[in-house]
PDB file of N, CA and C in Angstrom:
ATOM      1  N   MET A   1      22.898  -2.981  18.968  1.00  0.00           N
ATOM      2  CA  MET A   1      21.490  -2.883  18.585  1.00  0.00           C
ATOM      3  C   MET A   1      20.736  -2.114  19.661  1.00  0.00           C
ATOM      4  N   THR A   2      19.924  -1.162  19.253  1.00  0.00           N
ATOM      5  CA  THR A   2      19.162  -0.382  20.214  1.00  0.00           C
ATOM      6  C   THR A   2      17.746  -0.905  20.274  1.00  0.00           C
ATOM      7  N   ASN A   3      17.174  -0.777  21.439  1.00  0.00           N
ATOM      8  CA  ASN A   3      15.791  -1.210  21.619  1.00  0.00           C
ATOM      9  C   ASN A   3      14.872  -0.007  21.533  1.00  0.00           C
ATOM     10  N   SER A   4      13.801  -0.148  20.762  1.00  0.00           N
ATOM     11  CA  SER A   4      12.806   0.905  20.644  1.00  0.00           C
ATOM     12  C   SER A   4      11.782   0.731  21.753  1.00  0.00           C
ATOM     13  N   PRO A   5      11.191   1.825  22.200  1.00  0.00           N
ATOM     14  CA  PRO A   5      10.107   1.698  23.182  1.00  0.00           C
ATOM     15  C   PRO A   5       8.958   0.881  22.586  1.00  0.00           C
ATOM     16  N   PRO A   6       8.215   0.159  23.426  1.00  0.00           N
ATOM     17  CA  PRO A   6       7.123  -0.688  22.919  1.00  0.00           C
ATOM     18  C   PRO A   6       6.108   0.056  22.053  1.00  0.00           C
ATOM     19  N   SER A   7       5.766   1.293  22.421  1.00  0.00           N
ATOM     20  CA  SER A   7       4.779   2.039  21.628  1.00  0.00           C
ATOM     21  C   SER A   7       5.298   2.327  20.231  1.00  0.00           C
ATOM     22  N   GLU A   8       6.606   2.593  20.103  1.00  0.00           N
ATOM     23  CA  GLU A   8       7.191   2.845  18.785  1.00  0.00           C
ATOM     24  C   GLU A   8       7.188   1.576  17.939  1.00  0.00           C
ATOM     25  N   ARG A   9       7.499   0.440  18.544  1.00  0.00           N
ATOM     26  CA  ARG A   9       7.473  -0.834  17.810  1.00  0.00           C
ATOM     27  C   ARG A   9       6.069  -1.155  17.330  1.00  0.00           C
ATOM     28  N   ARG A  10       5.070  -0.903  18.188  1.00  0.00           N
ATOM     29  CA  ARG A  10       3.679  -1.163  17.776  1.00  0.00           C
ATOM     30  C   ARG A  10       3.300  -0.298  16.588  1.00  0.00           C
ATOM     31  N   GLN A  11       3.694   0.967  16.618  1.00  0.00           N
ATOM     32  CA  GLN A  11       3.375   1.874  15.511  1.00  0.00           C
ATOM     33  C   GLN A  11       4.055   1.391  14.231  1.00  0.00           C
ATOM     34  N   ASP A  12       5.302   0.947  14.342  1.00  0.00           N
ATOM     35  CA  ASP A  12       6.004   0.451  13.159  1.00  0.00           C
ATOM     36  C   ASP A  12       5.329  -0.791  12.595  1.00  0.00           C
ATOM     37  N   LEU A  13       4.900  -1.693  13.460  1.00  0.00           N
ATOM     38  CA  LEU A  13       4.203  -2.899  12.996  1.00  0.00           C
ATOM     39  C   LEU A  13       2.884  -2.538  12.339  1.00  0.00           C
ATOM     40  N   HIS A  14       2.187  -1.577  12.913  1.00  0.00           N
ATOM     41  CA  HIS A  14       0.911  -1.126  12.335  1.00  0.00           C
ATOM     42  C   HIS A  14       1.160  -0.499  10.960  1.00  0.00           C
ATOM     43  N   ARG A  15       2.158   0.376  10.881  1.00  0.00           N
ATOM     44  CA  ARG A  15       2.478   1.017   9.602  1.00  0.00           C
ATOM     45  C   ARG A  15       2.892  -0.027   8.572  1.00  0.00           C
ATOM     46  N   GLN A  16       3.673  -1.010   8.983  1.00  0.00           N
ATOM     47  CA  GLN A  16       4.100  -2.076   8.075  1.00  0.00           C
ATOM     48  C   GLN A  16       2.893  -2.832   7.528  1.00  0.00           C
ATOM     49  N   ALA A  17       1.913  -3.115   8.387  1.00  0.00           N
ATOM     50  CA  ALA A  17       0.708  -3.813   7.929  1.00  0.00           C
ATOM     51  C   ALA A  17      -0.072  -2.967   6.928  1.00  0.00           C
ATOM     52  N   LEU A  18      -0.185  -1.663   7.187  1.00  0.00           N
ATOM     53  CA  LEU A  18      -0.893  -0.773   6.260  1.00  0.00           C
ATOM     54  C   LEU A  18      -0.192  -0.721   4.907  1.00  0.00           C
ATOM     55  N   ILE A  19       1.126  -0.693   4.921  1.00  0.00           N
ATOM     56  CA  ILE A  19       1.892  -0.653   3.684  1.00  0.00           C
ATOM     57  C   ILE A  19       1.715  -1.947   2.900  1.00  0.00           C
ATOM     58  N   GLU A  20       1.683  -3.080   3.594  1.00  0.00           N
ATOM     59  CA  GLU A  20       1.450  -4.366   2.921  1.00  0.00           C
ATOM     60  C   GLU A  20       0.088  -4.370   2.224  1.00  0.00           C
ATOM     61  N   VAL A  21      -0.911  -3.809   2.887  1.00  0.00           N
ATOM     62  CA  VAL A  21      -2.241  -3.704   2.262  1.00  0.00           C
ATOM     63  C   VAL A  21      -2.147  -2.826   1.017  1.00  0.00           C
ATOM     64  N   GLY A  22      -1.435  -1.716   1.122  1.00  0.00           N
ATOM     65  CA  GLY A  22      -1.269  -0.823  -0.029  1.00  0.00           C
ATOM     66  C   GLY A  22      -0.605  -1.509  -1.209  1.00  0.00           C
ATOM     67  N   ILE A  23       0.405  -2.339  -0.936  1.00  0.00           N
ATOM     68  CA  ILE A  23       1.086  -3.072  -2.009  1.00  0.00           C
ATOM     69  C   ILE A  23       0.132  -4.058  -2.670  1.00  0.00           C
ATOM     70  N   ARG A  24      -0.666  -4.730  -1.883  1.00  0.00           N
ATOM     71  CA  ARG A  24      -1.650  -5.666  -2.458  1.00  0.00           C
ATOM     72  C   ARG A  24      -2.698  -4.931  -3.287  1.00  0.00           C
ATOM     73  N   LEU A  25      -3.144  -3.780  -2.782  1.00  0.00           N
ATOM     74  CA  LEU A  25      -4.111  -2.983  -3.543  1.00  0.00           C
ATOM     75  C   LEU A  25      -3.511  -2.541  -4.871  1.00  0.00           C
ATOM     76  N   GLN A  26      -2.241  -2.176  -4.865  1.00  0.00           N
ATOM     77  CA  GLN A  26      -1.584  -1.767  -6.103  1.00  0.00           C
ATOM     78  C   GLN A  26      -1.580  -2.909  -7.110  1.00  0.00           C
ATOM     79  N   ARG A  27      -1.259  -4.102  -6.651  1.00  0.00           N
ATOM     80  CA  ARG A  27      -1.227  -5.256  -7.558  1.00  0.00           C
ATOM     81  C   ARG A  27      -2.585  -5.528  -8.187  1.00  0.00           C
ATOM     82  N   HIS A  28      -3.634  -5.399  -7.387  1.00  0.00           N
ATOM     83  CA  HIS A  28      -4.967  -5.792  -7.860  1.00  0.00           C
ATOM     84  C   HIS A  28      -5.755  -4.659  -8.513  1.00  0.00           C
ATOM     85  N   PHE A  29      -5.552  -3.416  -8.029  1.00  0.00           N
ATOM     86  CA  PHE A  29      -6.401  -2.315  -8.501  1.00  0.00           C
ATOM     87  C   PHE A  29      -5.644  -1.138  -9.095  1.00  0.00           C
ATOM     88  N   GLY A  30      -4.320  -1.186  -9.059  1.00  0.00           N
ATOM     89  CA  GLY A  30      -3.531  -0.127  -9.672  1.00  0.00           C
ATOM     90  C   GLY A  30      -2.914   0.846  -8.677  1.00  0.00           C
ATOM     91  N   THR A  31      -1.973   1.605  -9.188  1.00  0.00           N
ATOM     92  CA  THR A  31      -1.188   2.506  -8.357  1.00  0.00           C
ATOM     93  C   THR A  31      -2.024   3.641  -7.778  1.00  0.00           C
ATOM     94  N   ALA A  32      -2.894   4.234  -8.564  1.00  0.00           N
ATOM     95  CA  ALA A  32      -3.689   5.372  -8.072  1.00  0.00           C
ATOM     96  C   ALA A  32      -4.560   4.964  -6.885  1.00  0.00           C
ATOM     97  N   TYR A  33      -5.151   3.794  -6.977  1.00  0.00           N
ATOM     98  CA  TYR A  33      -6.011   3.307  -5.889  1.00  0.00           C
ATOM     99  C   TYR A  33      -5.185   3.082  -4.622  1.00  0.00           C
ATOM    100  N   ALA A  34      -4.021   2.447  -4.774  1.00  0.00           N
ATOM    101  CA  ALA A  34      -3.151   2.180  -3.632  1.00  0.00           C
ATOM    102  C   ALA A  34      -2.633   3.481  -3.026  1.00  0.00           C
ATOM    103  N   GLU A  35      -2.278   4.427  -3.878  1.00  0.00           N
ATOM    104  CA  GLU A  35      -1.778   5.715  -3.403  1.00  0.00           C
ATOM    105  C   GLU A  35      -2.831   6.425  -2.554  1.00  0.00           C
ATOM    106  N   GLN A  36      -4.061   6.401  -3.004  1.00  0.00           N
ATOM    107  CA  GLN A  36      -5.130   7.052  -2.245  1.00  0.00           C
ATOM    108  C   GLN A  36      -5.347   6.366  -0.899  1.00  0.00           C
ATOM    109  N   TYR A  37      -5.327   5.036  -0.886  1.00  0.00           N
ATOM    110  CA  TYR A  37      -5.486   4.286   0.367  1.00  0.00           C
ATOM    111  C   TYR A  37      -4.377   4.667   1.353  1.00  0.00           C
ATOM    112  N   LEU A  38      -3.122   4.636   0.896  1.00  0.00           N
ATOM    113  CA  LEU A  38      -2.002   4.923   1.788  1.00  0.00           C
ATOM    114  C   LEU A  38      -2.060   6.356   2.307  1.00  0.00           C
ATOM    115  N   ALA A  39      -2.478   7.287   1.473  1.00  0.00           N
ATOM    116  CA  ALA A  39      -2.633   8.677   1.925  1.00  0.00           C
ATOM    117  C   ALA A  39      -3.743   8.765   2.981  1.00  0.00           C
ATOM    118  N   ASP A  40      -4.823   8.026   2.757  1.00  0.00           N
ATOM    119  CA  ASP A  40      -5.948   8.029   3.703  1.00  0.00           C
ATOM    120  C   ASP A  40      -5.571   7.481   5.074  1.00  0.00           C
ATOM    121  N   VAL A  41      -4.599   6.573   5.114  1.00  0.00           N
ATOM    122  CA  VAL A  41      -4.180   5.998   6.400  1.00  0.00           C
ATOM    123  C   VAL A  41      -2.917   6.682   6.930  1.00  0.00           C
ATOM    124  N   ASN A  42      -2.631   7.876   6.398  1.00  0.00           N
ATOM    125  CA  ASN A  42      -1.576   8.765   6.905  1.00  0.00           C
ATOM    126  C   ASN A  42      -0.150   8.235   6.758  1.00  0.00           C
ATOM    127  N   ILE A  43       0.110   7.548   5.655  1.00  0.00           N
ATOM    128  CA  ILE A  43       1.485   7.184   5.336  1.00  0.00           C
ATOM    129  C   ILE A  43       2.108   8.407   4.659  1.00  0.00           C
ATOM    130  N   PRO A  44       3.323   8.803   5.049  1.00  0.00           N
ATOM    131  CA  PRO A  44       3.949   9.994   4.445  1.00  0.00           C
ATOM    132  C   PRO A  44       4.103   9.873   2.927  1.00  0.00           C
ATOM    133  N   GLU A  45       3.932  10.986   2.240  1.00  0.00           N
ATOM    134  CA  GLU A  45       3.943  11.025   0.776  1.00  0.00           C
ATOM    135  C   GLU A  45       5.231  10.446   0.176  1.00  0.00           C
ATOM    136  N   LEU A  46       6.383  10.782   0.732  1.00  0.00           N
ATOM    137  CA  LEU A  46       7.634  10.253   0.194  1.00  0.00           C
ATOM    138  C   LEU A  46       7.712   8.732   0.344  1.00  0.00           C
ATOM    139  N   THR A  47       7.184   8.234   1.440  1.00  0.00           N
ATOM    140  CA  THR A  47       7.153   6.783   1.659  1.00  0.00           C
ATOM    141  C   THR A  47       6.238   6.129   0.638  1.00  0.00           C
ATOM    142  N   ILE A  48       5.084   6.736   0.403  1.00  0.00           N
ATOM    143  CA  ILE A  48       4.132   6.198  -0.578  1.00  0.00           C
ATOM    144  C   ILE A  48       4.795   6.100  -1.948  1.00  0.00           C
ATOM    145  N   GLN A  49       5.447   7.180  -2.363  1.00  0.00           N
ATOM    146  CA  GLN A  49       6.065   7.187  -3.688  1.00  0.00           C
ATOM    147  C   GLN A  49       7.159   6.120  -3.808  1.00  0.00           C
ATOM    148  N   ARG A  50       7.965   5.977  -2.770  1.00  0.00           N
ATOM    149  CA  ARG A  50       9.047   4.990  -2.800  1.00  0.00           C
ATOM    150  C   ARG A  50       8.488   3.567  -2.867  1.00  0.00           C
ATOM    151  N   ILE A  51       7.500   3.292  -2.041  1.00  0.00           N
ATOM    152  CA  ILE A  51       6.931   1.936  -1.977  1.00  0.00           C
ATOM    153  C   ILE A  51       6.220   1.586  -3.287  1.00  0.00           C
ATOM    154  N   LEU A  52       5.410   2.498  -3.792  1.00  0.00           N
ATOM    155  CA  LEU A  52       4.659   2.192  -5.004  1.00  0.00           C
ATOM    156  C   LEU A  52       5.556   2.145  -6.237  1.00  0.00           C
ATOM    157  N   ALA A  53       6.629   2.903  -6.252  1.00  0.00           N
ATOM    158  CA  ALA A  53       7.575   2.827  -7.371  1.00  0.00           C
ATOM    159  C   ALA A  53       8.220   1.451  -7.405  1.00  0.00           C
ATOM    160  N   ARG A  54       8.569   0.922  -6.264  1.00  0.00           N
ATOM    161  CA  ARG A  54       9.118  -0.429  -6.197  1.00  0.00           C
ATOM    162  C   ARG A  54       8.090  -1.432  -6.679  1.00  0.00           C
ATOM    163  N   GLY A  55       6.837  -1.222  -6.329  1.00  0.00           N
ATOM    164  CA  GLY A  55       5.768  -2.123  -6.762  1.00  0.00           C
ATOM    165  C   GLY A  55       5.622  -2.144  -8.268  1.00  0.00           C
ATOM    166  N   GLU A  56       5.766  -0.984  -8.901  1.00  0.00           N
ATOM    167  CA  GLU A  56       5.677  -0.924 -10.360  1.00  0.00           C
ATOM    168  C   GLU A  56       6.810  -1.716 -10.997  1.00  0.00           C
ATOM    169  N   LEU A  57       7.974  -1.710 -10.365  1.00  0.00           N
ATOM    170  CA  LEU A  57       9.116  -2.442 -10.910  1.00  0.00           C
ATOM    171  C   LEU A  57       8.939  -3.950 -10.786  1.00  0.00           C
ATOM    172  N   ARG A  58       8.290  -4.403  -9.701  1.00  0.00           N
ATOM    173  CA  ARG A  58       8.172  -5.845  -9.487  1.00  0.00           C
ATOM    174  C   ARG A  58       6.847  -6.420  -9.977  1.00  0.00           C
ATOM    175  N   LYS A  59       5.914  -5.563 -10.387  1.00  0.00           N
ATOM    176  CA  LYS A  59       4.593  -6.026 -10.790  1.00  0.00           C
ATOM    177  C   LYS A  59       4.622  -6.542 -12.226  1.00  0.00           C
ATOM    178  N   PRO A  60       4.283  -7.825 -12.455  1.00  0.00           N
ATOM    179  CA  PRO A  60       4.206  -8.321 -13.830  1.00  0.00           C
ATOM    180  C   PRO A  60       2.997  -7.722 -14.534  1.00  0.00           C
ATOM    181  N   SER A  61       3.048  -7.693 -15.819  1.00  0.00           N
ATOM    182  CA  SER A  61       1.926  -7.170 -16.588  1.00  0.00           C
ATOM    183  C   SER A  61       0.693  -8.032 -16.341  1.00  0.00           C
ATOM    184  N   ALA A  62      -0.401  -7.392 -16.006  1.00  0.00           N
ATOM    185  CA  ALA A  62      -1.622  -8.125 -15.694  1.00  0.00           C
ATOM    186  C   ALA A  62      -2.618  -8.074 -16.849  1.00  0.00           C
ATOM    187  N   ARG A  63      -2.183  -7.629 -18.002  1.00  0.00           N
ATOM    188  CA  ARG A  63      -3.099  -7.543 -19.142  1.00  0.00           C
ATOM    189  C   ARG A  63      -3.659  -8.924 -19.466  1.00  0.00           C
ATOM    190  N   GLY A  64      -4.985  -8.987 -19.555  1.00  0.00           N
ATOM    191  CA  GLY A  64      -5.644 -10.238 -19.867  1.00  0.00           C
ATOM    192  C   GLY A  64      -5.769 -11.173 -18.667  1.00  0.00           C
ATOM    193  N   CYS A  65      -5.363 -10.704 -17.521  1.00  0.00           N
ATOM    194  CA  CYS A  65      -5.404 -11.511 -16.312  1.00  0.00           C
ATOM    195  C   CYS A  65      -6.744 -11.294 -15.616  1.00  0.00           C
ATOM    196  N   ALA A  66      -7.176 -12.278 -14.869  1.00  0.00           N
ATOM    197  CA  ALA A  66      -8.444 -12.179 -14.150  1.00  0.00           C
ATOM    198  C   ALA A  66      -8.406 -11.062 -13.113  1.00  0.00           C
ATOM    199  N   LEU A  67      -7.221 -10.660 -12.656  1.00  0.00           N
ATOM    200  CA  LEU A  67      -7.118  -9.607 -11.661  1.00  0.00           C
ATOM    201  C   LEU A  67      -7.241  -8.226 -12.267  1.00  0.00           C
ATOM    202  N   ASP A  68      -7.301  -8.132 -13.573  1.00  0.00           N
ATOM    203  CA  ASP A  68      -7.413  -6.849 -14.255  1.00  0.00           C
ATOM    204  C   ASP A  68      -8.881  -6.435 -14.283  1.00  0.00           C
ATOM    205  N   VAL A  69      -9.396  -6.082 -13.096  1.00  0.00           N
ATOM    206  CA  VAL A  69     -10.795  -5.695 -12.948  1.00  0.00           C
ATOM    207  C   VAL A  69     -10.865  -4.305 -12.344  1.00  0.00           C
ATOM    208  N   ALA A  70     -12.002  -3.698 -12.466  1.00  0.00           N
ATOM    209  CA  ALA A  70     -12.210  -2.368 -11.881  1.00  0.00           C
ATOM    210  C   ALA A  70     -12.213  -2.476 -10.367  1.00  0.00           C
ATOM    211  N   PRO A  71     -11.696  -1.430  -9.675  1.00  0.00           N
ATOM    212  CA  PRO A  71     -11.726  -1.443  -8.219  1.00  0.00           C
ATOM    213  C   PRO A  71     -13.160  -1.398  -7.714  1.00  0.00           C
ATOM    214  N   PRO A  72     -13.379  -1.811  -6.485  1.00  0.00           N
ATOM    215  CA  PRO A  72     -14.743  -1.788  -5.945  1.00  0.00           C
ATOM    216  C   PRO A  72     -15.246  -0.354  -5.856  1.00  0.00           C
ATOM    217  N   ALA A  73     -16.546  -0.212  -5.730  1.00  0.00           N
ATOM    218  CA  ALA A  73     -17.152   1.115  -5.604  1.00  0.00           C
ATOM    219  C   ALA A  73     -16.530   1.844  -4.430  1.00  0.00           C
ATOM    220  N   ALA A  74     -16.537   3.161  -4.492  1.00  0.00           N
ATOM    221  CA  ALA A  74     -15.928   3.982  -3.430  1.00  0.00           C
ATOM    222  C   ALA A  74     -16.431   3.546  -2.067  1.00  0.00           C
ATOM    223  N   ASN A  75     -15.474   3.322  -1.190  1.00  0.00           N
ATOM    224  CA  ASN A  75     -15.799   2.912   0.177  1.00  0.00           C
ATOM    225  C   ASN A  75     -14.771   3.542   1.092  1.00  0.00           C
ATOM    226  N   ASP A  76     -15.191   4.439   1.945  1.00  0.00           N
ATOM    227  CA  ASP A  76     -14.267   5.127   2.830  1.00  0.00           C
ATOM    228  C   ASP A  76     -14.019   4.364   4.129  1.00  0.00           C
ATOM    229  N   ASP A  77     -14.474   3.132   4.224  1.00  0.00           N
ATOM    230  CA  ASP A  77     -14.290   2.338   5.429  1.00  0.00           C
ATOM    231  C   ASP A  77     -13.065   1.470   5.326  1.00  0.00           C
ATOM    232  N   HIS A  78     -11.906   2.078   5.112  1.00  0.00           N
ATOM    233  CA  HIS A  78     -10.656   1.316   4.952  1.00  0.00           C
ATOM    234  C   HIS A  78     -10.504   0.461   6.123  1.00  0.00           C
TER     235      HIS A  78
END
């Protein structure tokens, strides 16, 4: 097992947290909203596509669910 430098580990943890937020946004507000958020926080495009595609596979249909609401008004303060 190799050890990563501390700065690299911090960046990975930060990126992991951003991706978790993106997955939650996808569940609640849809793929397009999550994709835009992840792009705004500089997650690479291929990573975004892979993560959100997995989310579509695991996301149950939310039709008629209370979470099926419009996303909040545009807010660039991610």
